[in-house]
């Protein structure tokens, strides 16, 4: 049986997405736990969030639609505008608590950086944009260097500092592990059932279907066993406080160094909290692929803007909603 991944990546223009970030810093906490810090490129003292919004908006078709429906669209390009409009309306209306942008970022990082193709995105299962689907935020599949298939259950959290400085990473970590513990407590059953029920929506040749079934379906695994393990993929969106930084007194290079160093320091401070969550929640037997992306907390026209604004602006971009533009 072939040991190649049975699913192609669905992320549109993988390299263009990765080029939005500097080379990632990786913190190897344990044998199966790594934190990948991805810092957006900096221009004029700001992260290039507008370019990120645009690239994520371009990725929504691959994120929302099954490969079968993507293939139907390629065969009937005249429906592109109709399908794009439908995909945009699947996302929730913009608000400061919107979490779907973080889920899309996790998808893009797991496919773009880790090379783990999406098995299931719950967006296509929603019956209305305000509908929540329980369980993990997404499911991906990775063939690792040891020839083991990891079925990766995703969780995304984006938190700001609020009234406590330098608190956003640890707050997001705590919330993410609480959600992952719930998925673990349910023995991954709900998400595994969804994966099985959606399997035949993928456009694959018979050999690929057989390989995928042997990984995911218990009955098929009994006939043609493969090595498969569950794992977790985590996205942490957090704040770097630049509200007191005098950018006008710094060179472009100095700004870049300061913001990147600040982001590294915040992740370094949170490593003990991550290890503690894994140990306390009895999750030490699993692989964790943790991705962290910082956003600025800064003063703009006399008002503090932070990750809540990022959530809202990103949600607006995903819906192509210009109703609040001035």
C-alpha atoms as a PDB file:
ATOM      1  CA  UNK A   1       0.000   0.000   0.000  1.00  0.00           C
ATOM      2  CA  UNK A   2       1.257   3.499  -0.848  1.00  0.00           C
ATOM      3  CA  UNK A   3       2.638   5.538   2.057  1.00  0.00           C
ATOM      4  CA  UNK A   4       1.954   8.849   0.314  1.00  0.00           C
ATOM      5  CA  UNK A   5      -0.598  11.255   1.836  1.00  0.00           C
ATOM      6  CA  UNK A   6      -3.960  10.364   0.288  1.00  0.00           C
ATOM      7  CA  UNK A   7      -5.204  13.978   0.193  1.00  0.00           C
ATOM      8  CA  UNK A   8      -3.860  16.965  -1.731  1.00  0.00           C
ATOM      9  CA  UNK A   9      -3.514  20.337  -0.044  1.00  0.00           C
ATOM     10  CA  UNK A  10      -6.445  22.676  -0.612  1.00  0.00           C
ATOM     11  CA  UNK A  11      -4.793  25.982   0.387  1.00  0.00           C
ATOM     12  CA  UNK A  12      -4.699  28.461  -2.483  1.00  0.00           C
ATOM     13  CA  UNK A  13      -1.172  29.748  -3.144  1.00  0.00           C
ATOM     14  CA  UNK A  14       0.595  28.220  -0.164  1.00  0.00           C
ATOM     15  CA  UNK A  15       3.869  30.077  -0.750  1.00  0.00           C
ATOM     16  CA  UNK A  16       2.227  33.487  -1.035  1.00  0.00           C
ATOM     17  CA  UNK A  17       0.611  32.929   2.365  1.00  0.00           C
ATOM     18  CA  UNK A  18       3.903  31.857   3.975  1.00  0.00           C
ATOM     19  CA  UNK A  19       5.718  34.846   2.454  1.00  0.00           C
ATOM     20  CA  UNK A  20       3.585  37.160   4.594  1.00  0.00           C
ATOM     21  CA  UNK A  21       5.624  36.019   7.615  1.00  0.00           C
ATOM     22  CA  UNK A  22       9.261  36.098   8.628  1.00  0.00           C
ATOM     23  CA  UNK A  23      10.962  32.726   9.019  1.00  0.00           C
ATOM     24  CA  UNK A  24       9.224  31.116  12.002  1.00  0.00           C
ATOM     25  CA  UNK A  25      10.876  30.585  15.380  1.00  0.00           C
ATOM     26  CA  UNK A  26      10.311  27.082  16.739  1.00  0.00           C
ATOM     27  CA  UNK A  27      10.244  26.258  20.446  1.00  0.00           C
ATOM     28  CA  UNK A  28      10.607  22.496  20.999  1.00  0.00           C
ATOM     29  CA  UNK A  29       9.047  21.969  24.425  1.00  0.00           C
ATOM     30  CA  UNK A  30       9.003  18.166  24.475  1.00  0.00           C
ATOM     31  CA  UNK A  31       9.534  15.294  22.040  1.00  0.00           C
ATOM     32  CA  UNK A  32       5.996  15.674  20.680  1.00  0.00           C
ATOM     33  CA  UNK A  33       5.294  19.353  21.418  1.00  0.00           C
ATOM     34  CA  UNK A  34       6.484  22.279  19.300  1.00  0.00           C
ATOM     35  CA  UNK A  35       5.427  25.918  19.247  1.00  0.00           C
ATOM     36  CA  UNK A  36       5.916  27.717  15.925  1.00  0.00           C
ATOM     37  CA  UNK A  37       5.967  31.505  16.234  1.00  0.00           C
ATOM     38  CA  UNK A  38       4.949  33.150  12.958  1.00  0.00           C
ATOM     39  CA  UNK A  39       5.443  36.925  12.972  1.00  0.00           C
ATOM     40  CA  UNK A  40       3.872  38.904  10.145  1.00  0.00           C
ATOM     41  CA  UNK A  41       6.230  41.126   8.207  1.00  0.00           C
ATOM     42  CA  UNK A  42       6.422  44.684   9.464  1.00  0.00           C
ATOM     43  CA  UNK A  43       5.887  47.801   7.364  1.00  0.00           C
ATOM     44  CA  UNK A  44       5.787  51.292   8.855  1.00  0.00           C
ATOM     45  CA  UNK A  45       5.746  49.986  12.418  1.00  0.00           C
ATOM     46  CA  UNK A  46       2.741  47.730  11.759  1.00  0.00           C
ATOM     47  CA  UNK A  47       2.206  44.081  10.904  1.00  0.00           C
ATOM     48  CA  UNK A  48       0.910  43.602   7.350  1.00  0.00           C
ATOM     49  CA  UNK A  49      -2.541  42.581   8.574  1.00  0.00           C
ATOM     50  CA  UNK A  50      -4.349  44.012   5.531  1.00  0.00           C
ATOM     51  CA  UNK A  51      -2.380  41.681   3.272  1.00  0.00           C
ATOM     52  CA  UNK A  52      -3.134  38.810   5.649  1.00  0.00           C
ATOM     53  CA  UNK A  53      -6.871  39.562   5.476  1.00  0.00           C
ATOM     54  CA  UNK A  54      -6.738  39.584   1.684  1.00  0.00           C
ATOM     55  CA  UNK A  55      -4.817  36.307   1.474  1.00  0.00           C
ATOM     56  CA  UNK A  56      -7.152  34.565   3.923  1.00  0.00           C
ATOM     57  CA  UNK A  57     -10.175  35.839   1.999  1.00  0.00           C
ATOM     58  CA  UNK A  58      -8.630  34.281  -1.136  1.00  0.00           C
ATOM     59  CA  UNK A  59      -8.342  30.983   0.747  1.00  0.00           C
ATOM     60  CA  UNK A  60     -11.989  30.661   1.785  1.00  0.00           C
ATOM     61  CA  UNK A  61     -13.057  28.464  -1.143  1.00  0.00           C
ATOM     62  CA  UNK A  62     -10.512  25.770  -0.272  1.00  0.00           C
ATOM     63  CA  UNK A  63     -11.343  26.087   3.422  1.00  0.00           C
ATOM     64  CA  UNK A  64     -15.139  25.951   3.225  1.00  0.00           C
ATOM     65  CA  UNK A  65     -15.770  23.640   0.276  1.00  0.00           C
ATOM     66  CA  UNK A  66     -15.085  19.932   0.045  1.00  0.00           C
ATOM     67  CA  UNK A  67     -12.698  18.924  -2.711  1.00  0.00           C
ATOM     68  CA  UNK A  68     -15.647  17.432  -4.578  1.00  0.00           C
ATOM     69  CA  UNK A  69     -17.464  20.759  -4.659  1.00  0.00           C
ATOM     70  CA  UNK A  70     -14.240  22.559  -5.572  1.00  0.00           C
ATOM     71  CA  UNK A  71     -13.835  20.205  -8.521  1.00  0.00           C
ATOM     72  CA  UNK A  72     -17.423  20.862  -9.621  1.00  0.00           C
ATOM     73  CA  UNK A  73     -16.659  24.580  -9.555  1.00  0.00           C
ATOM     74  CA  UNK A  74     -13.554  24.115 -11.704  1.00  0.00           C
ATOM     75  CA  UNK A  75     -15.653  22.232 -14.248  1.00  0.00           C
ATOM     76  CA  UNK A  76     -18.305  24.970 -14.250  1.00  0.00           C
ATOM     77  CA  UNK A  77     -16.424  28.288 -13.795  1.00  0.00           C
ATOM     78  CA  UNK A  78     -19.534  30.229 -14.762  1.00  0.00           C
ATOM     79  CA  UNK A  79     -20.817  29.635 -11.218  1.00  0.00           C
ATOM     80  CA  UNK A  80     -17.752  31.176  -9.564  1.00  0.00           C
ATOM     81  CA  UNK A  81     -19.426  34.426  -8.493  1.00  0.00           C
ATOM     82  CA  UNK A  82     -22.452  32.530  -7.152  1.00  0.00           C
ATOM     83  CA  UNK A  83     -20.303  30.095  -5.156  1.00  0.00           C
ATOM     84  CA  UNK A  84     -17.992  32.814  -3.824  1.00  0.00           C
ATOM     85  CA  UNK A  85     -21.004  34.784  -2.596  1.00  0.00           C
ATOM     86  CA  UNK A  86     -22.408  31.684  -0.903  1.00  0.00           C
ATOM     87  CA  UNK A  87     -19.072  30.927   0.773  1.00  0.00           C
ATOM     88  CA  UNK A  88     -18.789  34.499   2.059  1.00  0.00           C
ATOM     89  CA  UNK A  89     -22.223  34.324   3.655  1.00  0.00           C
ATOM     90  CA  UNK A  90     -21.216  31.168   5.562  1.00  0.00           C
ATOM     91  CA  UNK A  91     -19.048  33.314   7.830  1.00  0.00           C
ATOM     92  CA  UNK A  92     -20.545  35.046  10.829  1.00  0.00           C
ATOM     93  CA  UNK A  93     -21.248  38.761  10.717  1.00  0.00           C
ATOM     94  CA  UNK A  94     -18.350  40.905  11.993  1.00  0.00           C
ATOM     95  CA  UNK A  95     -18.060  41.413  15.726  1.00  0.00           C
ATOM     96  CA  UNK A  96     -15.263  41.727  18.263  1.00  0.00           C
ATOM     97  CA  UNK A  97     -15.769  38.128  19.459  1.00  0.00           C
ATOM     98  CA  UNK A  98     -15.733  36.468  16.034  1.00  0.00           C
ATOM     99  CA  UNK A  99     -13.547  33.364  16.110  1.00  0.00           C
ATOM    100  CA  UNK A 100     -13.791  32.058  12.565  1.00  0.00           C
ATOM    101  CA  UNK A 101     -10.837  34.115  11.385  1.00  0.00           C
ATOM    102  CA  UNK A 102      -8.627  32.265  13.864  1.00  0.00           C
ATOM    103  CA  UNK A 103      -9.992  28.933  12.650  1.00  0.00           C
ATOM    104  CA  UNK A 104      -9.122  29.901   9.073  1.00  0.00           C
ATOM    105  CA  UNK A 105      -5.625  30.930  10.182  1.00  0.00           C
ATOM    106  CA  UNK A 106      -5.140  27.539  11.840  1.00  0.00           C
ATOM    107  CA  UNK A 107      -6.229  25.814   8.618  1.00  0.00           C
ATOM    108  CA  UNK A 108      -3.787  27.900   6.568  1.00  0.00           C
ATOM    109  CA  UNK A 109      -0.882  27.246   8.953  1.00  0.00           C
ATOM    110  CA  UNK A 110      -1.528  23.495   9.214  1.00  0.00           C
ATOM    111  CA  UNK A 111      -1.686  23.192   5.433  1.00  0.00           C
ATOM    112  CA  UNK A 112       0.838  25.896   4.557  1.00  0.00           C
ATOM    113  CA  UNK A 113       3.575  25.287   7.142  1.00  0.00           C
ATOM    114  CA  UNK A 114       3.007  21.752   8.419  1.00  0.00           C
ATOM    115  CA  UNK A 115       1.827  20.322   5.091  1.00  0.00           C
ATOM    116  CA  UNK A 116      -1.157  18.584   6.703  1.00  0.00           C
ATOM    117  CA  UNK A 117      -4.138  18.629   4.310  1.00  0.00           C
ATOM    118  CA  UNK A 118      -7.625  19.355   5.543  1.00  0.00           C
ATOM    119  CA  UNK A 119      -9.839  16.316   6.027  1.00  0.00           C
ATOM    120  CA  UNK A 120     -12.828  18.215   7.329  1.00  0.00           C
ATOM    121  CA  UNK A 121     -13.894  21.836   7.591  1.00  0.00           C
ATOM    122  CA  UNK A 122     -17.141  22.270   9.432  1.00  0.00           C
ATOM    123  CA  UNK A 123     -18.027  25.476   7.599  1.00  0.00           C
ATOM    124  CA  UNK A 124     -19.726  23.562   4.785  1.00  0.00           C
ATOM    125  CA  UNK A 125     -21.897  21.755   7.339  1.00  0.00           C
ATOM    126  CA  UNK A 126     -23.392  24.966   8.722  1.00  0.00           C
ATOM    127  CA  UNK A 127     -27.049  25.551   7.963  1.00  0.00           C
ATOM    128  CA  UNK A 128     -26.752  29.281   8.723  1.00  0.00           C
ATOM    129  CA  UNK A 129     -23.848  31.700   9.280  1.00  0.00           C
ATOM    130  CA  UNK A 130     -24.695  31.962  13.005  1.00  0.00           C
ATOM    131  CA  UNK A 131     -24.717  28.189  13.467  1.00  0.00           C
ATOM    132  CA  UNK A 132     -21.941  26.652  15.567  1.00  0.00           C
ATOM    133  CA  UNK A 133     -20.730  23.098  14.930  1.00  0.00           C
ATOM    134  CA  UNK A 134     -19.469  21.374  18.062  1.00  0.00           C
ATOM    135  CA  UNK A 135     -16.123  19.679  18.578  1.00  0.00           C
ATOM    136  CA  UNK A 136     -12.742  20.591  17.110  1.00  0.00           C
ATOM    137  CA  UNK A 137     -12.362  23.591  14.803  1.00  0.00           C
ATOM    138  CA  UNK A 138     -11.126  21.404  11.959  1.00  0.00           C
ATOM    139  CA  UNK A 139      -9.476  18.054  11.226  1.00  0.00           C
ATOM    140  CA  UNK A 140      -6.236  17.568   9.248  1.00  0.00           C
ATOM    141  CA  UNK A 141      -4.097  14.580   8.262  1.00  0.00           C
ATOM    142  CA  UNK A 142      -0.298  14.415   8.470  1.00  0.00           C
ATOM    143  CA  UNK A 143       2.039  11.652   7.377  1.00  0.00           C
ATOM    144  CA  UNK A 144       4.969  12.233   9.731  1.00  0.00           C
ATOM    145  CA  UNK A 145       8.650  11.397   9.332  1.00  0.00           C
ATOM    146  CA  UNK A 146       8.144   8.043  11.081  1.00  0.00           C
ATOM    147  CA  UNK A 147       5.509   6.904   8.582  1.00  0.00           C
ATOM    148  CA  UNK A 148       2.684   7.408  11.083  1.00  0.00           C
ATOM    149  CA  UNK A 149      -0.544   9.126  10.069  1.00  0.00           C
ATOM    150  CA  UNK A 150      -1.552  11.802  12.555  1.00  0.00           C
ATOM    151  CA  UNK A 151      -5.228  12.775  12.562  1.00  0.00           C
ATOM    152  CA  UNK A 152      -4.940  16.341  13.852  1.00  0.00           C
ATOM    153  CA  UNK A 153      -7.835  17.930  15.729  1.00  0.00           C
ATOM    154  CA  UNK A 154      -7.685  21.711  15.605  1.00  0.00           C
ATOM    155  CA  UNK A 155      -8.407  24.376  18.206  1.00  0.00           C
ATOM    156  CA  UNK A 156      -8.078  28.135  17.739  1.00  0.00           C
ATOM    157  CA  UNK A 157      -8.083  30.950  20.313  1.00  0.00           C
ATOM    158  CA  UNK A 158      -7.371  34.682  19.937  1.00  0.00           C
ATOM    159  CA  UNK A 159      -7.062  36.691  23.159  1.00  0.00           C
ATOM    160  CA  UNK A 160      -6.053  40.227  24.078  1.00  0.00           C
ATOM    161  CA  UNK A 161      -4.327  41.495  27.196  1.00  0.00           C
ATOM    162  CA  UNK A 162      -7.390  43.371  28.491  1.00  0.00           C
ATOM    163  CA  UNK A 163      -6.494  44.903  31.857  1.00  0.00           C
ATOM    164  CA  UNK A 164      -3.552  42.628  32.652  1.00  0.00           C
ATOM    165  CA  UNK A 165      -0.341  43.293  30.665  1.00  0.00           C
ATOM    166  CA  UNK A 166       1.357  40.380  28.905  1.00  0.00           C
ATOM    167  CA  UNK A 167      -1.529  38.037  29.697  1.00  0.00           C
ATOM    168  CA  UNK A 168      -2.926  37.239  26.242  1.00  0.00           C
ATOM    169  CA  UNK A 169      -0.758  34.211  25.388  1.00  0.00           C
ATOM    170  CA  UNK A 170      -1.415  32.442  28.673  1.00  0.00           C
ATOM    171  CA  UNK A 171      -5.146  33.253  28.518  1.00  0.00           C
ATOM    172  CA  UNK A 172      -5.373  31.818  25.013  1.00  0.00           C
ATOM    173  CA  UNK A 173      -3.363  28.733  25.996  1.00  0.00           C
ATOM    174  CA  UNK A 174      -5.637  28.035  28.961  1.00  0.00           C
ATOM    175  CA  UNK A 175      -8.802  28.400  26.848  1.00  0.00           C
ATOM    176  CA  UNK A 176      -7.431  26.240  24.021  1.00  0.00           C
ATOM    177  CA  UNK A 177      -6.460  23.396  26.326  1.00  0.00           C
ATOM    178  CA  UNK A 178      -9.831  23.521  28.037  1.00  0.00           C
ATOM    179  CA  UNK A 179     -11.470  22.946  24.639  1.00  0.00           C
ATOM    180  CA  UNK A 180      -9.004  20.214  23.670  1.00  0.00           C
ATOM    181  CA  UNK A 181      -9.659  18.443  26.955  1.00  0.00           C
ATOM    182  CA  UNK A 182     -13.350  18.338  26.020  1.00  0.00           C
ATOM    183  CA  UNK A 183     -12.556  16.765  22.652  1.00  0.00           C
ATOM    184  CA  UNK A 184     -10.319  14.248  24.432  1.00  0.00           C
ATOM    185  CA  UNK A 185     -12.978  13.550  27.062  1.00  0.00           C
ATOM    186  CA  UNK A 186     -15.381  12.652  24.276  1.00  0.00           C
ATOM    187  CA  UNK A 187     -12.775  10.204  22.929  1.00  0.00           C
ATOM    188  CA  UNK A 188     -12.665  12.212  19.660  1.00  0.00           C
ATOM    189  CA  UNK A 189     -15.874  10.422  18.707  1.00  0.00           C
ATOM    190  CA  UNK A 190     -17.986  13.321  17.411  1.00  0.00           C
ATOM    191  CA  UNK A 191     -15.298  14.631  15.080  1.00  0.00           C
ATOM    192  CA  UNK A 192     -14.297  11.152  13.929  1.00  0.00           C
ATOM    193  CA  UNK A 193     -17.933  10.435  13.073  1.00  0.00           C
ATOM    194  CA  UNK A 194     -18.108  13.660  11.052  1.00  0.00           C
ATOM    195  CA  UNK A 195     -14.928  12.746   9.189  1.00  0.00           C
ATOM    196  CA  UNK A 196     -16.320   9.317   8.326  1.00  0.00           C
ATOM    197  CA  UNK A 197     -19.658  10.751   7.192  1.00  0.00           C
ATOM    198  CA  UNK A 198     -17.964  13.349   4.963  1.00  0.00           C
ATOM    199  CA  UNK A 199     -15.294  11.038   3.514  1.00  0.00           C
ATOM    200  CA  UNK A 200     -17.036  10.293   0.225  1.00  0.00           C
ATOM    201  CA  UNK A 201     -17.428  14.003  -0.530  1.00  0.00           C
ATOM    202  CA  UNK A 202     -13.758  14.077  -1.484  1.00  0.00           C
ATOM    203  CA  UNK A 203     -12.818  13.842  -5.144  1.00  0.00           C
ATOM    204  CA  UNK A 204     -10.201  11.100  -5.129  1.00  0.00           C
ATOM    205  CA  UNK A 205      -9.299   8.113  -7.245  1.00  0.00           C
ATOM    206  CA  UNK A 206     -10.234   4.639  -5.907  1.00  0.00           C
ATOM    207  CA  UNK A 207      -6.727   3.934  -4.595  1.00  0.00           C
ATOM    208  CA  UNK A 208      -6.715   7.183  -2.631  1.00  0.00           C
ATOM    209  CA  UNK A 209     -10.142   6.423  -1.217  1.00  0.00           C
ATOM    210  CA  UNK A 210      -8.931   2.997  -0.086  1.00  0.00           C
ATOM    211  CA  UNK A 211      -5.872   4.496   1.610  1.00  0.00           C
ATOM    212  CA  UNK A 212      -7.934   7.180   3.324  1.00  0.00           C
ATOM    213  CA  UNK A 213     -10.533   4.656   4.454  1.00  0.00           C
ATOM    214  CA  UNK A 214      -7.821   2.382   5.860  1.00  0.00           C
ATOM    215  CA  UNK A 215      -6.613   5.307   7.984  1.00  0.00           C
ATOM    216  CA  UNK A 216      -9.944   6.674   9.141  1.00  0.00           C
ATOM    217  CA  UNK A 217     -12.477   3.840   9.164  1.00  0.00           C
ATOM    218  CA  UNK A 218     -12.196   1.132  11.847  1.00  0.00           C
ATOM    219  CA  UNK A 219     -13.565  -1.664   9.660  1.00  0.00           C
ATOM    220  CA  UNK A 220     -11.184  -0.871   6.821  1.00  0.00           C
ATOM    221  CA  UNK A 221      -8.262  -0.596   9.217  1.00  0.00           C
ATOM    222  CA  UNK A 222      -8.965  -4.127  10.413  1.00  0.00           C
ATOM    223  CA  UNK A 223      -8.548  -5.464   6.884  1.00  0.00           C
ATOM    224  CA  UNK A 224      -5.572  -3.329   5.862  1.00  0.00           C
ATOM    225  CA  UNK A 225      -4.046  -1.844   9.016  1.00  0.00           C
ATOM    226  CA  UNK A 226      -2.013   1.368   9.047  1.00  0.00           C
ATOM    227  CA  UNK A 227      -0.410   3.206  11.912  1.00  0.00           C
ATOM    228  CA  UNK A 228      -2.605   6.131  12.959  1.00  0.00           C
ATOM    229  CA  UNK A 229      -2.627   8.324  16.032  1.00  0.00           C
ATOM    230  CA  UNK A 230      -4.655  11.302  17.153  1.00  0.00           C
ATOM    231  CA  UNK A 231      -2.922  14.659  17.592  1.00  0.00           C
ATOM    232  CA  UNK A 232      -3.769  18.316  18.185  1.00  0.00           C
ATOM    233  CA  UNK A 233      -3.205  21.448  16.133  1.00  0.00           C
ATOM    234  CA  UNK A 234      -3.482  24.733  18.020  1.00  0.00           C
ATOM    235  CA  UNK A 235      -3.611  28.363  16.914  1.00  0.00           C
ATOM    236  CA  UNK A 236      -2.846  31.066  19.480  1.00  0.00           C
ATOM    237  CA  UNK A 237      -3.482  34.678  18.477  1.00  0.00           C
ATOM    238  CA  UNK A 238      -2.041  37.116  21.017  1.00  0.00           C
ATOM    239  CA  UNK A 239      -1.069  40.737  21.551  1.00  0.00           C
ATOM    240  CA  UNK A 240       2.259  42.541  21.548  1.00  0.00           C
ATOM    241  CA  UNK A 241       1.772  45.815  23.411  1.00  0.00           C
ATOM    242  CA  UNK A 242       3.251  48.640  21.332  1.00  0.00           C
ATOM    243  CA  UNK A 243       1.100  51.382  22.850  1.00  0.00           C
ATOM    244  CA  UNK A 244       4.104  53.114  24.436  1.00  0.00           C
ATOM    245  CA  UNK A 245       6.676  52.475  21.699  1.00  0.00           C
ATOM    246  CA  UNK A 246       8.020  55.687  20.101  1.00  0.00           C
ATOM    247  CA  UNK A 247       8.265  54.378  16.552  1.00  0.00           C
ATOM    248  CA  UNK A 248       9.360  57.800  15.302  1.00  0.00           C
ATOM    249  CA  UNK A 249      12.626  57.425  17.243  1.00  0.00           C
ATOM    250  CA  UNK A 250      13.450  53.985  15.817  1.00  0.00           C
ATOM    251  CA  UNK A 251      14.824  52.907  12.466  1.00  0.00           C
ATOM    252  CA  UNK A 252      12.924  50.379  10.363  1.00  0.00           C
ATOM    253  CA  UNK A 253      15.377  47.687  11.421  1.00  0.00           C
ATOM    254  CA  UNK A 254      15.103  48.591  15.096  1.00  0.00           C
ATOM    255  CA  UNK A 255      11.298  48.407  14.964  1.00  0.00           C
ATOM    256  CA  UNK A 256      11.486  44.947  13.423  1.00  0.00           C
ATOM    257  CA  UNK A 257      13.943  43.707  16.038  1.00  0.00           C
ATOM    258  CA  UNK A 258      11.931  45.100  18.957  1.00  0.00           C
ATOM    259  CA  UNK A 259       8.559  43.686  17.889  1.00  0.00           C
ATOM    260  CA  UNK A 260       9.977  40.278  17.012  1.00  0.00           C
ATOM    261  CA  UNK A 261      11.940  40.113  20.272  1.00  0.00           C
ATOM    262  CA  UNK A 262       8.826  41.102  22.242  1.00  0.00           C
ATOM    263  CA  UNK A 263       6.824  38.319  20.548  1.00  0.00           C
ATOM    264  CA  UNK A 264       9.542  35.732  21.276  1.00  0.00           C
ATOM    265  CA  UNK A 265       9.691  36.791  24.915  1.00  0.00           C
ATOM    266  CA  UNK A 266       5.929  36.374  25.343  1.00  0.00           C
ATOM    267  CA  UNK A 267       6.023  32.850  23.896  1.00  0.00           C
ATOM    268  CA  UNK A 268       9.030  31.968  26.021  1.00  0.00           C
ATOM    269  CA  UNK A 269       7.128  33.129  29.118  1.00  0.00           C
ATOM    270  CA  UNK A 270       4.218  30.841  28.222  1.00  0.00           C
ATOM    271  CA  UNK A 271       6.128  27.598  27.660  1.00  0.00           C
ATOM    272  CA  UNK A 272       5.812  26.478  31.286  1.00  0.00           C
ATOM    273  CA  UNK A 273       2.053  27.160  31.158  1.00  0.00           C
ATOM    274  CA  UNK A 274       1.744  24.990  28.025  1.00  0.00           C
ATOM    275  CA  UNK A 275       3.680  22.136  29.611  1.00  0.00           C
ATOM    276  CA  UNK A 276       1.574  22.388  32.759  1.00  0.00           C
ATOM    277  CA  UNK A 277      -1.695  22.256  30.804  1.00  0.00           C
ATOM    278  CA  UNK A 278      -0.546  19.155  28.924  1.00  0.00           C
ATOM    279  CA  UNK A 279       0.484  17.391  32.127  1.00  0.00           C
ATOM    280  CA  UNK A 280      -2.474  18.473  34.270  1.00  0.00           C
ATOM    281  CA  UNK A 281      -5.022  17.470  31.633  1.00  0.00           C
ATOM    282  CA  UNK A 282      -3.428  14.075  30.972  1.00  0.00           C
ATOM    283  CA  UNK A 283      -2.591  14.832  27.333  1.00  0.00           C
ATOM    284  CA  UNK A 284       1.101  13.977  27.402  1.00  0.00           C
ATOM    285  CA  UNK A 285       0.688  11.040  25.014  1.00  0.00           C
ATOM    286  CA  UNK A 286      -0.330  13.228  22.068  1.00  0.00           C
ATOM    287  CA  UNK A 287       1.532  15.287  19.506  1.00  0.00           C
ATOM    288  CA  UNK A 288       0.883  19.034  19.642  1.00  0.00           C
ATOM    289  CA  UNK A 289       1.501  21.342  16.689  1.00  0.00           C
ATOM    290  CA  UNK A 290       1.087  24.806  18.214  1.00  0.00           C
ATOM    291  CA  UNK A 291       1.091  27.947  16.070  1.00  0.00           C
ATOM    292  CA  UNK A 292       1.321  31.448  17.551  1.00  0.00           C
ATOM    293  CA  UNK A 293       0.793  34.723  15.685  1.00  0.00           C
ATOM    294  CA  UNK A 294       1.120  38.129  17.402  1.00  0.00           C
ATOM    295  CA  UNK A 295      -0.972  41.201  16.664  1.00  0.00           C
ATOM    296  CA  UNK A 296      -0.298  44.739  17.835  1.00  0.00           C
ATOM    297  CA  UNK A 297      -1.949  46.497  20.731  1.00  0.00           C
ATOM    298  CA  UNK A 298      -1.474  50.161  19.920  1.00  0.00           C
ATOM    299  CA  UNK A 299      -2.959  53.630  20.151  1.00  0.00           C
ATOM    300  CA  UNK A 300      -4.637  54.843  16.949  1.00  0.00           C
ATOM    301  CA  UNK A 301      -6.189  58.317  16.933  1.00  0.00           C
ATOM    302  CA  UNK A 302      -6.372  58.300  20.694  1.00  0.00           C
ATOM    303  CA  UNK A 303      -8.001  54.852  20.986  1.00  0.00           C
ATOM    304  CA  UNK A 304      -6.506  51.494  21.899  1.00  0.00           C
ATOM    305  CA  UNK A 305      -6.793  48.969  19.081  1.00  0.00           C
ATOM    306  CA  UNK A 306      -5.958  45.339  19.638  1.00  0.00           C
ATOM    307  CA  UNK A 307      -6.953  41.790  18.873  1.00  0.00           C
ATOM    308  CA  UNK A 308     -10.684  42.474  19.208  1.00  0.00           C
ATOM    309  CA  UNK A 309     -10.356  44.850  16.247  1.00  0.00           C
ATOM    310  CA  UNK A 310      -8.384  42.210  14.355  1.00  0.00           C
ATOM    311  CA  UNK A 311     -11.183  39.687  14.873  1.00  0.00           C
ATOM    312  CA  UNK A 312     -13.782  42.145  13.606  1.00  0.00           C
ATOM    313  CA  UNK A 313     -11.743  43.399  10.642  1.00  0.00           C
ATOM    314  CA  UNK A 314     -10.867  39.864   9.572  1.00  0.00           C
ATOM    315  CA  UNK A 315     -14.500  38.745   9.836  1.00  0.00           C
ATOM    316  CA  UNK A 316     -15.475  41.704   7.670  1.00  0.00           C
ATOM    317  CA  UNK A 317     -12.870  40.767   5.062  1.00  0.00           C
ATOM    318  CA  UNK A 318     -14.034  37.135   4.938  1.00  0.00           C
ATOM    319  CA  UNK A 319     -17.607  38.250   4.254  1.00  0.00           C
ATOM    320  CA  UNK A 320     -16.469  41.016   1.880  1.00  0.00           C
ATOM    321  CA  UNK A 321     -18.549  43.290   4.109  1.00  0.00           C
ATOM    322  CA  UNK A 322     -17.940  46.987   3.399  1.00  0.00           C
ATOM    323  CA  UNK A 323     -20.990  48.285   5.239  1.00  0.00           C
ATOM    324  CA  UNK A 324     -18.935  49.925   8.013  1.00  0.00           C
ATOM    325  CA  UNK A 325     -16.233  51.384   5.827  1.00  0.00           C
ATOM    326  CA  UNK A 326     -15.841  55.128   6.105  1.00  0.00           C
END
